[in-house]
N, C-alpha and C. Protein backbone atom coordinates (compact mmCIF):
# COMPACT_ATOMS: atom_id res chain seq x y z
N MET A 1 -48.87 10.74 12.34
CA MET A 1 -50.07 10.50 13.37
C MET A 1 -49.49 9.40 14.60
N ALA A 2 -48.78 9.93 15.82
CA ALA A 2 -48.46 8.87 16.87
C ALA A 2 -49.40 7.66 17.06
N LEU A 3 -48.71 6.74 17.26
CA LEU A 3 -50.01 5.49 17.94
C LEU A 3 -50.13 5.59 19.50
N PRO A 4 -51.43 5.31 19.72
CA PRO A 4 -51.30 5.23 21.40
C PRO A 4 -50.24 4.48 21.99
N ILE A 5 -49.80 4.20 23.15
CA ILE A 5 -49.23 3.85 24.07
C ILE A 5 -49.35 2.31 23.85
N ARG A 6 -50.68 1.99 24.06
CA ARG A 6 -51.25 0.60 24.05
C ARG A 6 -51.03 0.00 22.96
N THR A 7 -51.30 0.49 22.06
CA THR A 7 -51.47 0.04 20.94
C THR A 7 -49.98 0.13 20.20
N ALA A 8 -49.25 0.76 20.47
CA ALA A 8 -47.45 0.27 20.29
C ALA A 8 -46.94 -0.68 21.01
N LEU A 9 -47.32 -1.10 22.10
CA LEU A 9 -46.98 -2.40 22.91
C LEU A 9 -47.63 -3.87 22.33
N LEU A 10 -48.84 -3.52 21.67
CA LEU A 10 -49.29 -4.63 21.34
C LEU A 10 -48.88 -5.09 19.88
N ALA A 11 -48.42 -4.18 19.24
CA ALA A 11 -47.89 -4.40 17.91
C ALA A 11 -46.23 -5.08 18.12
N ILE A 12 -45.55 -4.95 19.00
CA ILE A 12 -44.49 -5.49 19.69
C ILE A 12 -44.17 -6.74 18.88
N PRO A 13 -44.77 -7.31 19.85
CA PRO A 13 -44.69 -9.13 20.19
C PRO A 13 -45.20 -9.55 18.37
N ILE A 14 -46.37 -9.01 17.92
CA ILE A 14 -46.72 -9.27 16.36
C ILE A 14 -45.40 -9.17 15.54
N VAL A 15 -44.49 -8.19 15.55
CA VAL A 15 -43.66 -7.77 15.08
C VAL A 15 -42.54 -8.71 15.43
N GLY A 16 -42.18 -8.93 16.47
CA GLY A 16 -41.16 -10.07 16.61
C GLY A 16 -41.47 -11.56 15.71
N LEU A 17 -42.88 -12.00 16.11
CA LEU A 17 -43.60 -13.06 15.58
C LEU A 17 -43.34 -13.23 14.27
N VAL A 18 -43.41 -11.93 13.48
CA VAL A 18 -43.31 -12.17 12.18
C VAL A 18 -41.53 -12.22 11.44
N LEU A 19 -40.84 -11.66 12.16
CA LEU A 19 -39.38 -11.81 12.16
C LEU A 19 -38.66 -12.83 12.37
N SER A 20 -39.00 -13.51 13.09
CA SER A 20 -38.44 -14.59 14.15
C SER A 20 -39.51 -16.07 13.48
N ALA A 21 -40.75 -15.83 12.31
CA ALA A 21 -40.87 -16.95 11.86
C ALA A 21 -40.10 -17.95 10.72
N GLY A 22 -39.19 -17.49 10.42
CA GLY A 22 -38.24 -18.27 9.66
C GLY A 22 -37.26 -19.19 10.92
N GLY A 23 -37.48 -19.13 12.10
CA GLY A 23 -36.62 -19.75 12.94
C GLY A 23 -35.27 -19.14 13.22
N PRO A 24 -34.65 -18.74 14.06
CA PRO A 24 -33.30 -18.19 14.22
C PRO A 24 -32.46 -19.10 13.68
N ALA A 25 -31.05 -18.55 13.06
CA ALA A 25 -30.33 -19.74 12.96
C ALA A 25 -29.68 -19.98 13.71
N ALA A 26 -29.11 -21.21 13.83
CA ALA A 26 -28.39 -22.03 14.64
C ALA A 26 -26.88 -22.62 14.76
N ALA A 27 -26.09 -22.81 15.14
CA ALA A 27 -25.34 -23.70 15.20
C ALA A 27 -25.26 -24.90 14.38
N GLY A 28 -25.14 -25.19 13.41
CA GLY A 28 -25.00 -26.61 12.29
C GLY A 28 -25.80 -26.15 11.19
N ASP A 29 -26.28 -24.33 11.00
CA ASP A 29 -26.61 -24.13 9.86
C ASP A 29 -25.46 -23.58 8.95
N CYS A 30 -24.57 -24.47 8.87
CA CYS A 30 -23.06 -23.79 8.45
C CYS A 30 -22.80 -24.86 7.54
N THR A 31 -22.43 -24.62 6.50
CA THR A 31 -22.36 -25.52 5.60
C THR A 31 -20.49 -25.01 4.76
N GLY A 32 -20.26 -25.76 4.04
CA GLY A 32 -18.57 -25.53 3.93
C GLY A 32 -18.60 -26.23 2.50
N ILE A 33 -17.40 -25.85 1.63
CA ILE A 33 -16.94 -26.11 0.50
C ILE A 33 -15.17 -26.75 0.86
N VAL A 34 -15.06 -27.97 0.24
CA VAL A 34 -13.29 -27.99 0.49
C VAL A 34 -12.70 -27.44 -0.71
N VAL A 35 -11.60 -27.04 -0.15
CA VAL A 35 -11.25 -26.19 -0.82
C VAL A 35 -9.36 -26.22 -0.62
N GLY A 36 -8.68 -26.16 -1.59
CA GLY A 36 -6.97 -25.69 -1.08
C GLY A 36 -6.26 -27.27 -1.12
N VAL A 37 -7.01 -28.44 -1.93
CA VAL A 37 -6.45 -29.79 -1.82
C VAL A 37 -6.23 -29.91 -3.32
N LYS A 38 -5.20 -30.49 -3.57
CA LYS A 38 -4.85 -31.03 -5.22
C LYS A 38 -6.25 -31.64 -5.68
N PRO A 39 -6.48 -31.73 -6.74
CA PRO A 39 -7.56 -32.11 -7.95
C PRO A 39 -7.50 -33.85 -7.47
N ILE A 40 -8.50 -34.29 -7.53
CA ILE A 40 -8.61 -35.74 -7.44
C ILE A 40 -7.92 -36.43 -8.37
N SER A 41 -7.71 -36.06 -9.52
CA SER A 41 -6.67 -36.44 -10.50
C SER A 41 -5.41 -36.89 -10.00
N GLN A 42 -5.17 -36.10 -9.17
CA GLN A 42 -3.57 -36.16 -8.56
C GLN A 42 -3.87 -37.22 -7.29
N TYR A 43 -4.53 -37.81 -7.07
CA TYR A 43 -4.99 -38.73 -5.86
C TYR A 43 -3.94 -39.82 -5.49
N ASN A 44 -3.64 -39.68 -4.37
CA ASN A 44 -2.68 -40.77 -3.76
C ASN A 44 -2.41 -40.91 -2.67
N HIS A 45 -3.22 -41.58 -2.15
CA HIS A 45 -3.58 -42.12 -0.75
C HIS A 45 -2.18 -41.92 -0.01
N ALA A 46 -1.24 -42.90 -0.35
CA ALA A 46 0.09 -43.11 0.45
C ALA A 46 0.82 -41.53 0.60
N ARG A 47 0.90 -41.08 -0.39
CA ARG A 47 1.23 -39.54 -0.17
C ARG A 47 0.60 -38.31 0.30
N GLY A 48 -0.45 -38.66 0.58
CA GLY A 48 -1.69 -37.71 0.81
C GLY A 48 -2.08 -36.67 0.01
N ASN A 49 -2.11 -36.94 -1.31
CA ASN A 49 -2.38 -35.81 -2.10
C ASN A 49 -3.62 -36.38 -2.67
N GLY A 50 -4.62 -35.43 -3.41
CA GLY A 50 -5.84 -35.26 -3.93
C GLY A 50 -7.31 -35.47 -2.83
N PHE A 51 -6.83 -35.59 -2.07
CA PHE A 51 -7.90 -35.47 -0.48
C PHE A 51 -7.69 -34.65 0.52
N LEU A 52 -8.72 -34.33 1.54
CA LEU A 52 -8.47 -34.06 2.98
C LEU A 52 -8.63 -35.03 3.53
N ALA A 53 -7.94 -35.38 4.97
CA ALA A 53 -8.13 -36.24 5.75
C ALA A 53 -9.32 -36.18 7.02
N VAL A 54 -10.54 -36.72 7.02
CA VAL A 54 -11.17 -37.03 7.83
C VAL A 54 -10.57 -37.81 9.32
N ARG A 55 -10.49 -37.36 10.17
CA ARG A 55 -10.09 -37.82 11.53
C ARG A 55 -10.80 -37.95 12.82
N THR A 56 -10.49 -38.74 13.96
CA THR A 56 -11.57 -38.92 14.93
C THR A 56 -11.15 -37.78 15.98
N GLY A 57 -10.31 -37.02 15.73
CA GLY A 57 -10.09 -35.91 16.75
C GLY A 57 -9.66 -34.68 16.19
N PRO A 58 -9.72 -33.68 16.40
CA PRO A 58 -9.25 -32.20 16.15
C PRO A 58 -7.80 -32.24 16.18
N GLY A 59 -7.06 -33.04 15.40
CA GLY A 59 -5.82 -32.50 15.23
C GLY A 59 -5.13 -33.54 14.20
N SER A 60 -3.89 -33.09 13.76
CA SER A 60 -3.13 -34.58 12.71
C SER A 60 -2.67 -35.78 13.65
N SER A 61 -2.58 -35.38 14.98
CA SER A 61 -2.06 -36.67 15.54
C SER A 61 -3.00 -37.94 15.53
N TYR A 62 -4.21 -37.39 15.21
CA TYR A 62 -5.42 -38.42 15.62
C TYR A 62 -5.49 -39.31 14.29
N ARG A 63 -6.35 -40.42 14.44
CA ARG A 63 -6.59 -41.62 13.19
C ARG A 63 -6.81 -41.12 12.03
N GLN A 64 -6.98 -41.51 10.88
CA GLN A 64 -7.79 -40.97 9.99
C GLN A 64 -8.86 -42.00 9.64
N THR A 65 -10.12 -41.52 9.35
CA THR A 65 -10.92 -42.47 9.00
C THR A 65 -11.92 -42.40 7.79
N GLY A 66 -11.65 -41.23 7.20
CA GLY A 66 -12.58 -40.92 5.90
C GLY A 66 -11.85 -40.04 5.11
N GLU A 67 -12.23 -39.71 3.92
CA GLU A 67 -11.56 -38.58 3.38
C GLU A 67 -12.51 -37.78 2.78
N VAL A 68 -12.43 -36.40 2.45
CA VAL A 68 -13.09 -35.60 1.23
C VAL A 68 -12.23 -35.01 0.33
N TYR A 69 -13.15 -34.65 -0.54
CA TYR A 69 -12.44 -34.11 -1.88
C TYR A 69 -12.43 -32.68 -2.52
N ARG A 70 -11.78 -32.35 -3.05
CA ARG A 70 -11.74 -30.17 -3.62
C ARG A 70 -13.57 -30.66 -4.00
N GLY A 71 -14.21 -29.62 -3.70
CA GLY A 71 -15.39 -29.50 -4.08
C GLY A 71 -16.44 -29.98 -3.51
N ASP A 72 -16.54 -31.42 -2.54
CA ASP A 72 -17.20 -31.66 -1.97
C ASP A 72 -17.77 -30.57 -0.71
N GLU A 73 -19.19 -30.88 -0.80
CA GLU A 73 -19.99 -29.85 0.29
C GLU A 73 -19.99 -30.86 1.65
N VAL A 74 -19.86 -29.89 2.83
CA VAL A 74 -20.04 -30.65 4.17
C VAL A 74 -20.70 -29.55 4.82
N SER A 75 -21.24 -30.22 6.29
CA SER A 75 -21.99 -29.44 6.97
C SER A 75 -20.88 -29.46 8.05
N VAL A 76 -20.60 -28.55 8.38
CA VAL A 76 -20.07 -28.05 9.66
C VAL A 76 -20.72 -27.79 11.27
N TYR A 77 -20.35 -28.86 12.01
CA TYR A 77 -21.01 -28.63 13.28
C TYR A 77 -20.47 -28.23 14.56
N ASP A 78 -18.69 -28.51 14.63
CA ASP A 78 -18.49 -27.77 15.75
C ASP A 78 -16.81 -27.50 15.09
N ARG A 79 -16.25 -26.54 16.17
CA ARG A 79 -14.84 -26.31 16.02
C ARG A 79 -14.28 -26.34 17.10
N ARG A 80 -13.05 -26.57 16.95
CA ARG A 80 -12.06 -26.95 18.35
C ARG A 80 -10.59 -26.14 17.69
N GLY A 81 -10.55 -24.96 18.09
CA GLY A 81 -9.40 -24.24 17.12
C GLY A 81 -9.20 -24.06 16.07
N ASN A 82 -8.31 -24.85 15.39
CA ASN A 82 -8.10 -24.74 13.88
C ASN A 82 -8.77 -26.04 12.93
N TRP A 83 -9.58 -26.84 13.68
CA TRP A 83 -10.57 -27.71 13.34
C TRP A 83 -11.99 -27.77 13.27
N TYR A 84 -12.42 -27.94 12.25
CA TYR A 84 -14.13 -28.54 12.21
C TYR A 84 -14.63 -29.51 12.31
N ALA A 85 -15.62 -29.95 13.04
CA ALA A 85 -16.21 -31.34 12.87
C ALA A 85 -17.34 -31.50 11.46
N ILE A 86 -17.05 -32.25 10.51
CA ILE A 86 -17.72 -31.96 9.50
C ILE A 86 -18.25 -33.23 9.55
N THR A 87 -19.63 -33.33 8.29
CA THR A 87 -20.21 -34.71 7.90
C THR A 87 -20.37 -34.32 6.21
N CYS A 88 -20.03 -35.25 5.60
CA CYS A 88 -20.07 -34.92 3.81
C CYS A 88 -21.58 -34.90 3.97
N MET A 89 -21.59 -33.95 2.57
CA MET A 89 -23.23 -33.92 2.04
C MET A 89 -23.27 -34.25 0.85
N SER A 90 -22.55 -33.78 0.22
CA SER A 90 -22.24 -34.07 -1.31
C SER A 90 -21.39 -34.21 -2.02
N GLY A 91 -20.77 -34.42 -3.00
CA GLY A 91 -20.01 -34.57 -4.01
C GLY A 91 -19.24 -36.00 -3.67
N ARG A 92 -17.84 -36.18 -4.10
CA ARG A 92 -17.04 -37.50 -4.30
C ARG A 92 -17.22 -38.16 -3.03
N CYS A 93 -17.22 -37.37 -1.73
CA CYS A 93 -17.05 -37.73 -0.58
C CYS A 93 -18.35 -38.95 -0.27
N THR A 94 -19.22 -39.22 -1.12
CA THR A 94 -20.45 -39.73 -1.06
C THR A 94 -20.29 -41.09 -1.41
N ASP A 95 -19.10 -41.46 -2.57
CA ASP A 95 -18.50 -42.68 -2.90
C ASP A 95 -16.95 -42.20 -2.75
N PRO A 96 -16.19 -42.50 -1.90
CA PRO A 96 -15.04 -41.96 -1.64
C PRO A 96 -13.93 -42.99 -2.14
N LEU A 97 -13.06 -42.80 -2.45
CA LEU A 97 -11.57 -43.97 -3.18
C LEU A 97 -11.08 -44.55 -1.66
N TRP A 98 -11.56 -43.95 -0.82
CA TRP A 98 -10.75 -44.77 0.39
C TRP A 98 -11.74 -44.28 1.32
N GLY A 99 -11.89 -45.30 2.55
CA GLY A 99 -12.74 -45.09 3.79
C GLY A 99 -14.54 -44.94 3.31
N PRO A 100 -14.98 -44.85 4.48
CA PRO A 100 -16.90 -44.97 4.36
C PRO A 100 -16.94 -44.09 3.77
N ALA A 101 -18.24 -43.94 3.03
CA ALA A 101 -19.05 -43.16 2.03
C ALA A 101 -19.97 -42.06 3.25
N MET A 102 -19.97 -40.78 2.96
CA MET A 102 -20.56 -39.92 3.94
C MET A 102 -19.75 -39.75 5.20
N PRO A 103 -18.42 -39.39 5.11
CA PRO A 103 -17.62 -39.51 6.31
C PRO A 103 -17.87 -37.93 7.15
N SER A 104 -17.65 -38.79 8.77
CA SER A 104 -18.13 -37.65 9.40
C SER A 104 -16.61 -37.79 10.47
N GLY A 105 -16.36 -36.36 10.92
CA GLY A 105 -15.05 -36.50 11.96
C GLY A 105 -14.70 -35.03 11.62
N TRP A 106 -13.12 -34.67 11.89
CA TRP A 106 -12.55 -33.65 12.09
C TRP A 106 -11.61 -33.53 10.81
N VAL A 107 -11.57 -31.96 10.34
CA VAL A 107 -10.71 -32.12 9.00
C VAL A 107 -10.12 -30.36 9.33
N SER A 108 -8.94 -30.25 8.98
CA SER A 108 -8.11 -28.81 9.29
C SER A 108 -9.17 -27.85 8.52
N LYS A 109 -9.38 -26.88 9.42
CA LYS A 109 -10.28 -25.57 8.99
C LYS A 109 -9.83 -24.95 7.75
N LYS A 110 -8.28 -25.03 7.41
CA LYS A 110 -8.07 -24.00 6.67
C LYS A 110 -8.29 -24.93 5.10
N TYR A 111 -8.64 -25.79 5.27
CA TYR A 111 -9.35 -26.46 3.64
C TYR A 111 -10.90 -26.45 3.54
N ILE A 112 -11.61 -25.94 4.38
CA ILE A 112 -12.71 -25.45 4.29
C ILE A 112 -13.38 -24.03 3.99
N ASN A 113 -14.09 -23.65 2.99
CA ASN A 113 -14.57 -22.55 2.70
C ASN A 113 -16.08 -22.68 3.37
N ALA A 114 -16.46 -21.96 4.69
CA ALA A 114 -17.43 -22.23 5.60
C ALA A 114 -18.14 -20.92 5.59
N GLY A 115 -19.55 -21.39 5.44
CA GLY A 115 -20.61 -19.62 5.55
C GLY A 115 -21.91 -20.20 6.19
N GLY A 116 -22.75 -19.13 6.44
CA GLY A 116 -23.93 -19.33 7.20
C GLY A 116 -23.60 -19.15 9.14
N VAL A 117 -24.07 -19.31 10.03
CA VAL A 117 -23.80 -19.80 11.28
C VAL A 117 -23.02 -20.85 11.62
N CYS A 118 -21.59 -20.51 11.64
CA CYS A 118 -20.73 -21.44 11.72
C CYS A 118 -20.28 -21.65 13.28
N PRO A 119 -19.79 -22.41 13.97
CA PRO A 119 -19.72 -22.92 15.64
C PRO A 119 -17.76 -22.13 15.38
């Protein structure tokens, strides 16, 4: 049995409200895991082994301000070309071998396995 048009039109806002109750996903709902870098057991800061450099800008010419390690979980909040802006969420980056705890900055996108609503 077909619903009268008036009843169907009244139901549309209710259905929309139910579907969006969890809130729309937005940029910033993207997390990633550091991959493709040597294990921390091969750490050598001078040679660049065992970590992924966190930089002040999206490129290798920017100054390194911290580091994250294989398996660390990061929040991804921006992207510029092949670079992600990240913040350490959990893992060894909470107590790094060099630099500040919980670093935030830019890393090469190819070393982040990201998922969710990413920029």
